[in-house]
Amino acid sequence: MSQKTVQRDHPWLMRTYSGHSSAKASNELYRMNLNKGQTGLSVAFDLPTQTGYDSDHPLARGEVG
């Protein structure tokens, strides 16, 4: 006789990929979304950081800060 195993799915993670012009504005957005039921954070960093450039690299000028 075989025994069936029941696997329960975990609830979906609800996230938005977001960021704002300042740390304060981003923090307010993240806290508001978490209070509304969002279950995780996907933080949008500046483009140079995402592509591996230092913030003081010439190609990062105008994209950081």
C-alpha atoms as a PDB file:
ATOM      1  CA  MET A   1       0.000   0.000   0.000  1.00  0.00           C
ATOM      2  CA  SER A   2       1.439   3.363  -0.988  1.00  0.00           C
ATOM      3  CA  GLN A   3       1.121   6.395   1.166  1.00  0.00           C
ATOM      4  CA  LYS A   4       0.375   9.719  -0.531  1.00  0.00           C
ATOM      5  CA  THR A   5       2.315  12.732   0.561  1.00  0.00           C
ATOM      6  CA  VAL A   6       0.590  16.069   0.584  1.00  0.00           C
ATOM      7  CA  GLN A   7       2.795  19.006  -0.223  1.00  0.00           C
ATOM      8  CA  ARG A   8       1.403  22.367   0.702  1.00  0.00           C
ATOM      9  CA  ASP A   9       2.286  25.329  -1.434  1.00  0.00           C
ATOM     10  CA  HIS A  10       3.702  28.389   0.207  1.00  0.00           C
ATOM     11  CA  PRO A  11       1.826  31.647  -0.347  1.00  0.00           C
ATOM     12  CA  TRP A  12       3.045  33.846  -3.162  1.00  0.00           C
ATOM     13  CA  LEU A  13       5.566  36.520  -2.296  1.00  0.00           C
ATOM     14  CA  MET A  14       4.141  39.898  -3.196  1.00  0.00           C
ATOM     15  CA  ARG A  15       6.837  42.395  -4.156  1.00  0.00           C
ATOM     16  CA  THR A  16       7.325  45.499  -6.203  1.00  0.00           C
ATOM     17  CA  TYR A  17      10.667  46.485  -7.677  1.00  0.00           C
ATOM     18  CA  SER A  18      10.924  50.067  -6.542  1.00  0.00           C
ATOM     19  CA  GLY A  19      13.029  52.903  -5.288  1.00  0.00           C
ATOM     20  CA  HIS A  20      12.831  56.669  -4.974  1.00  0.00           C
ATOM     21  CA  SER A  21      15.093  59.678  -5.243  1.00  0.00           C
ATOM     22  CA  SER A  22      16.020  59.596  -1.558  1.00  0.00           C
ATOM     23  CA  ALA A  23      16.461  57.028   1.191  1.00  0.00           C
ATOM     24  CA  LYS A  24      13.689  58.705   3.194  1.00  0.00           C
ATOM     25  CA  ALA A  25      11.173  58.517   0.324  1.00  0.00           C
ATOM     26  CA  SER A  26      12.117  54.890  -0.393  1.00  0.00           C
ATOM     27  CA  ASN A  27      11.752  53.968   3.286  1.00  0.00           C
ATOM     28  CA  GLU A  28       8.286  55.543   3.407  1.00  0.00           C
ATOM     29  CA  LEU A  29       7.217  53.665   0.260  1.00  0.00           C
ATOM     30  CA  TYR A  30       8.535  50.312   1.518  1.00  0.00           C
ATOM     31  CA  ARG A  31       6.870  50.704   4.916  1.00  0.00           C
ATOM     32  CA  MET A  32       3.554  51.724   3.329  1.00  0.00           C
ATOM     33  CA  ASN A  33       3.631  48.714   0.975  1.00  0.00           C
ATOM     34  CA  LEU A  34       4.508  46.315   3.815  1.00  0.00           C
ATOM     35  CA  ASN A  35       1.636  47.725   5.884  1.00  0.00           C
ATOM     36  CA  LYS A  36      -0.692  47.038   2.936  1.00  0.00           C
ATOM     37  CA  GLY A  37       0.340  43.375   2.816  1.00  0.00           C
ATOM     38  CA  GLN A  38       3.415  43.251   0.627  1.00  0.00           C
ATOM     39  CA  THR A  39       5.496  40.292   1.819  1.00  0.00           C
ATOM     40  CA  GLY A  40       8.969  41.166   0.581  1.00  0.00           C
ATOM     41  CA  LEU A  41      11.172  43.945  -0.724  1.00  0.00           C
ATOM     42  CA  SER A  42      12.946  44.194  -4.065  1.00  0.00           C
ATOM     43  CA  VAL A  43      15.065  47.309  -3.798  1.00  0.00           C
ATOM     44  CA  ALA A  44      15.918  49.228  -6.974  1.00  0.00           C
ATOM     45  CA  PHE A  45      19.506  50.410  -6.710  1.00  0.00           C
ATOM     46  CA  ASP A  46      21.017  52.978  -9.059  1.00  0.00           C
ATOM     47  CA  LEU A  47      22.035  51.677 -12.481  1.00  0.00           C
ATOM     48  CA  PRO A  48      25.824  51.865 -11.951  1.00  0.00           C
ATOM     49  CA  THR A  49      25.527  49.732  -8.801  1.00  0.00           C
ATOM     50  CA  GLN A  50      23.413  47.178 -10.666  1.00  0.00           C
ATOM     51  CA  THR A  51      25.983  46.964 -13.454  1.00  0.00           C
ATOM     52  CA  GLY A  52      29.010  46.750 -11.149  1.00  0.00           C
ATOM     53  CA  TYR A  53      30.448  50.253 -11.450  1.00  0.00           C
ATOM     54  CA  ASP A  54      31.779  52.204  -8.472  1.00  0.00           C
ATOM     55  CA  SER A  55      29.765  55.329  -7.724  1.00  0.00           C
ATOM     56  CA  ASP A  56      32.834  57.482  -8.486  1.00  0.00           C
ATOM     57  CA  HIS A  57      33.492  55.897 -11.899  1.00  0.00           C
ATOM     58  CA  PRO A  58      33.253  58.448 -14.758  1.00  0.00           C
ATOM     59  CA  LEU A  59      30.488  56.417 -16.450  1.00  0.00           C
ATOM     60  CA  ALA A  60      28.381  56.702 -13.272  1.00  0.00           C
ATOM     61  CA  ARG A  61      28.352  60.514 -13.358  1.00  0.00           C
ATOM     62  CA  GLY A  62      24.780  61.805 -13.160  1.00  0.00           C
ATOM     63  CA  GLU A  63      23.350  58.389 -12.254  1.00  0.00           C
ATOM     64  CA  VAL A  64      24.207  58.201  -8.534  1.00  0.00           C
ATOM     65  CA  GLY A  65      23.063  60.214  -5.542  1.00  0.00           C
END
